[in-house]
Amino acid sequence: MRFDFRLNPIVDAGLSDIGDLVDLAAIAARNGATLIQYRDKNGSTRQMIAMAKSIKAALDGTGVPLVINDRVDVALASGADGVHLGADDMDAGTARRLLGPDAIIGLTVKTRADAERAGRAQASYACIGGVFETLSKQNPDPPVGLDGFRDLRERLRQLDPTLPVGAIAGIGLEQVRSVIDARADGVTVISAIFRAPDPADACRSFRRRVDDALSEVKR
């Protein structure tokens, strides 16, 4: 399916202390998000399927697709639009066979080896990171930084010039222009939107900042 990677908020189970994930996803979808990802590293399969179905229902009518972090089985069972896979998850080719030709399949890229794999995979997009330090997720790997992002982005461009590539980790409004300058096609955000005093306003601000940066940066 066609999709837009400009602004990809993640509704993570760790956000449950500040609100219902379904409500948070709906707020983002109605205020500028172009893709929603649902992530739960510790939930049971039954819980995740129920939550994914509820989020998917809340997004109906918005035109914003839903992808599930890691779990192809949850994506299948819930009717989500696709899946986002890390290096240790199911390979993109198998996921494509299971989910079908129209599914959105995103891949995490942290290393040169990840870039080589993603650039040759049947992927819909790649997301490079973490670019900066983040408190949203325990990450044993050091940030790649903007220089590392540029290097991985260039390799992906060489392998698949049409593959949309995003940036994740530690991205606030003030970092948007720098990652777009480094040739990101969009950003993935958690805390800077959902832990803001007004998530709806934060989401709108991110969308404006991304749109402005994309319009000003020569691609």
Protein backbone atom coordinates (compact mmCIF):
# COMPACT_ATOMS: atom_id res chain seq x y z
CA MET A 1 0.00 0.00 0.00
CA ARG A 2 1.01 3.61 -0.44
CA PHE A 3 2.10 5.39 2.68
CA ASP A 4 3.86 8.52 3.84
CA PHE A 5 6.82 8.29 6.22
CA ARG A 6 7.17 11.96 7.18
CA LEU A 7 5.99 11.61 10.80
CA ASN A 8 5.93 8.22 12.51
CA PRO A 9 4.98 8.37 16.21
CA ILE A 10 5.38 5.15 18.21
CA VAL A 11 2.69 4.32 20.74
CA ASP A 12 4.70 2.27 23.21
CA ALA A 13 3.36 0.26 26.13
CA GLY A 14 5.66 2.32 28.34
CA LEU A 15 3.40 5.31 27.72
CA SER A 16 0.49 3.73 29.59
CA ASP A 17 1.31 5.85 32.64
CA ILE A 18 0.23 8.98 30.78
CA GLY A 19 -2.79 7.79 28.85
CA ASP A 20 -4.60 5.11 26.91
CA LEU A 21 -2.56 3.98 23.91
CA VAL A 22 -5.64 3.94 21.69
CA ASP A 23 -6.39 7.57 22.55
CA LEU A 24 -2.77 8.59 22.02
CA ALA A 25 -2.69 6.92 18.61
CA ALA A 26 -5.91 8.66 17.59
CA ILE A 27 -4.60 12.04 18.74
CA ALA A 28 -1.45 11.59 16.67
CA ALA A 29 -3.33 10.40 13.59
CA ARG A 30 -5.63 13.42 13.69
CA ASN A 31 -2.84 15.93 14.20
CA GLY A 32 -0.30 15.27 11.51
CA ALA A 33 1.08 11.76 11.95
CA THR A 34 1.46 9.88 8.67
CA LEU A 35 2.24 6.42 10.07
CA ILE A 36 1.63 4.94 13.54
CA GLN A 37 3.70 2.16 15.08
CA TYR A 38 2.55 0.11 18.07
CA ARG A 39 5.30 -1.34 20.27
CA ASP A 40 5.09 -3.59 23.33
CA LYS A 41 8.21 -5.54 24.25
CA ASN A 42 6.66 -7.33 27.23
CA GLY A 43 2.95 -7.82 26.56
CA SER A 44 1.38 -11.19 25.92
CA THR A 45 0.35 -12.10 22.42
CA ARG A 46 -3.34 -11.96 23.40
CA GLN A 47 -2.94 -8.50 24.94
CA MET A 48 -1.04 -7.19 21.94
CA ILE A 49 -3.59 -8.46 19.44
CA ALA A 50 -6.43 -6.85 21.40
CA MET A 51 -4.57 -3.55 21.66
CA ALA A 52 -3.58 -3.57 17.99
CA LYS A 53 -7.19 -4.20 16.95
CA SER A 54 -8.36 -1.31 19.11
CA ILE A 55 -5.72 1.04 17.72
CA LYS A 56 -6.53 -0.02 14.17
CA ALA A 57 -10.22 0.70 14.77
CA ALA A 58 -9.37 4.13 16.19
CA LEU A 59 -7.40 4.96 13.04
CA ASP A 60 -10.23 4.05 10.69
CA GLY A 61 -11.16 7.03 8.57
CA THR A 62 -7.90 8.89 9.18
CA GLY A 63 -5.98 7.32 6.30
CA VAL A 64 -3.06 6.71 8.68
CA PRO A 65 -1.74 3.13 8.57
CA LEU A 66 -0.67 1.05 11.56
CA VAL A 67 2.44 -1.12 11.76
CA ILE A 68 3.35 -3.46 14.62
CA ASN A 69 6.84 -3.51 16.09
CA ASP A 70 8.56 -6.92 15.80
CA ARG A 71 5.47 -9.13 15.78
CA VAL A 72 4.36 -10.44 12.40
CA ASP A 73 1.84 -12.74 14.13
CA VAL A 74 0.20 -9.78 15.88
CA ALA A 75 0.08 -7.84 12.62
CA LEU A 76 -1.62 -10.77 10.90
CA ALA A 77 -4.12 -11.43 13.67
CA SER A 78 -5.07 -7.79 14.16
CA GLY A 79 -5.37 -6.77 10.53
CA ALA A 80 -2.67 -4.13 10.89
CA ASP A 81 -1.17 -2.62 7.76
CA GLY A 82 2.31 -3.98 8.33
CA VAL A 83 5.21 -4.57 10.64
CA HIS A 84 8.48 -2.97 11.71
CA LEU A 85 11.35 -5.44 12.09
CA GLY A 86 14.73 -5.30 13.81
CA ALA A 87 17.84 -7.25 12.88
CA ASP A 88 16.91 -10.15 15.19
CA ASP A 89 13.31 -10.41 14.00
CA MET A 90 11.83 -12.30 11.07
CA ASP A 91 13.52 -11.51 7.77
CA ALA A 92 11.71 -9.14 5.44
CA GLY A 93 11.22 -11.71 2.69
CA THR A 94 9.40 -14.15 4.96
CA ALA A 95 7.34 -11.34 6.45
CA ARG A 96 6.37 -10.23 2.95
CA ARG A 97 5.23 -13.74 2.03
CA LEU A 98 3.10 -13.94 5.17
CA LEU A 99 1.66 -10.43 5.11
CA GLY A 100 1.24 -10.07 1.37
CA PRO A 101 2.52 -7.78 -1.38
CA ASP A 102 0.70 -4.68 -0.12
CA ALA A 103 1.92 -4.81 3.49
CA ILE A 104 4.15 -2.08 4.87
CA ILE A 105 7.43 -3.60 6.04
CA GLY A 106 9.88 -1.36 7.83
CA LEU A 107 13.40 -2.29 8.89
CA THR A 108 15.68 -0.92 11.60
CA VAL A 109 19.18 0.00 10.47
CA LYS A 110 21.91 0.47 13.08
CA THR A 111 24.99 -0.84 11.30
CA ARG A 112 26.53 -1.16 7.85
CA ALA A 113 25.46 -4.82 7.80
CA ASP A 114 21.88 -3.77 8.54
CA ALA A 115 22.04 -1.27 5.68
CA GLU A 116 23.32 -3.90 3.28
CA ARG A 117 20.46 -6.20 4.25
CA ALA A 118 17.76 -3.52 4.20
CA GLY A 119 18.87 -2.13 0.86
CA ARG A 120 18.40 -5.51 -0.76
CA ALA A 121 15.25 -6.56 1.10
CA GLN A 122 11.62 -6.35 0.07
CA ALA A 123 11.15 -3.43 2.43
CA SER A 124 8.83 -0.43 2.34
CA TYR A 125 11.08 1.82 4.40
CA ALA A 126 14.14 1.80 6.65
CA CYS A 127 14.66 3.69 9.89
CA ILE A 128 18.21 4.52 10.99
CA GLY A 129 18.98 4.85 14.67
CA GLY A 130 19.43 5.61 17.31
CA VAL A 131 20.73 8.84 15.96
CA PHE A 132 20.90 10.58 19.34
CA GLU A 133 20.67 9.50 22.98
CA THR A 134 17.16 8.52 24.09
CA LEU A 135 15.41 7.57 27.33
CA SER A 136 12.48 5.92 25.55
CA LYS A 137 14.16 2.56 25.13
CA GLN A 138 17.11 0.71 26.62
CA ASN A 139 19.72 0.64 23.89
CA PRO A 140 23.12 -1.01 24.38
CA ASP A 141 24.43 0.45 21.13
CA PRO A 142 25.93 3.95 21.07
CA PRO A 143 24.14 6.56 18.94
CA VAL A 144 25.27 6.67 15.32
CA GLY A 145 25.17 10.48 15.29
CA LEU A 146 24.54 12.60 12.22
CA ASP A 147 27.73 11.47 10.49
CA GLY A 148 26.82 7.84 11.01
CA PHE A 149 23.31 8.55 9.77
CA ARG A 150 24.65 10.14 6.59
CA ASP A 151 26.94 7.17 5.93
CA LEU A 152 24.17 4.59 6.39
CA ARG A 153 21.71 6.74 4.43
CA GLU A 154 24.10 6.98 1.50
CA ARG A 155 24.61 3.22 1.41
CA LEU A 156 20.85 2.66 1.40
CA ARG A 157 20.50 5.20 -1.41
CA GLN A 158 23.11 3.31 -3.46
CA LEU A 159 21.31 0.01 -2.98
CA ASP A 160 17.72 1.22 -3.32
CA PRO A 161 17.37 4.85 -4.43
CA THR A 162 13.59 4.88 -3.90
CA LEU A 163 13.55 3.48 -0.35
CA PRO A 164 12.19 6.02 2.19
CA VAL A 165 14.57 6.39 5.14
CA GLY A 166 13.71 7.82 8.54
CA ALA A 167 15.58 8.78 11.68
CA ILE A 168 14.81 7.66 15.23
CA ALA A 169 15.95 8.28 18.82
CA GLY A 170 16.36 11.49 20.74
CA ILE A 171 14.67 13.60 18.08
CA GLY A 172 12.99 16.75 19.34
CA LEU A 173 11.79 19.70 17.32
CA GLU A 174 15.26 21.23 17.40
CA GLN A 175 16.80 18.10 15.81
CA VAL A 176 14.35 17.80 12.92
CA ARG A 177 16.17 20.13 10.52
CA SER A 178 19.55 18.48 11.14
CA VAL A 179 18.31 14.97 10.32
CA ILE A 180 16.41 16.21 7.26
CA ASP A 181 19.62 17.99 6.19
CA ALA A 182 21.28 14.58 6.53
CA ARG A 183 18.72 13.28 4.00
CA ALA A 184 16.14 11.72 6.28
CA ASP A 185 12.72 11.47 4.64
CA GLY A 186 10.96 11.68 7.98
CA VAL A 187 11.28 11.12 11.71
CA THR A 188 10.12 8.58 14.26
CA VAL A 189 9.19 10.09 17.62
CA ILE A 190 7.92 8.91 21.01
CA SER A 191 8.55 11.06 24.08
CA ALA A 192 8.81 14.44 22.34
CA ILE A 193 5.20 14.04 21.24
CA PHE A 194 3.46 11.87 23.79
CA ARG A 195 5.16 13.20 26.91
CA ALA A 196 4.69 16.79 25.83
CA PRO A 197 2.16 18.85 27.85
CA ASP A 198 -0.13 18.85 24.80
CA PRO A 199 0.53 15.85 22.53
CA ALA A 200 -1.82 17.11 19.83
CA ASP A 201 -0.02 20.42 19.60
CA ALA A 202 3.37 18.68 19.72
CA CYS A 203 2.37 16.42 16.85
CA ARG A 204 1.21 19.37 14.75
CA SER A 205 4.46 21.20 15.51
CA PHE A 206 6.53 18.20 14.41
CA ARG A 207 4.56 17.87 11.19
CA ARG A 208 5.06 21.54 10.37
CA ARG A 209 8.76 21.35 11.18
CA VAL A 210 9.24 18.23 9.02
CA ASP A 211 7.26 19.69 6.13
CA ASP A 212 9.17 22.96 6.28
CA ALA A 213 12.53 21.21 6.40
CA LEU A 214 11.68 18.90 3.51
CA SER A 215 10.55 21.83 1.39
CA GLU A 216 13.79 23.73 2.06
CA VAL A 217 16.35 20.95 1.75
CA LYS A 218 17.51 19.95 -1.71
CA ARG A 219 16.91 16.21 -1.98
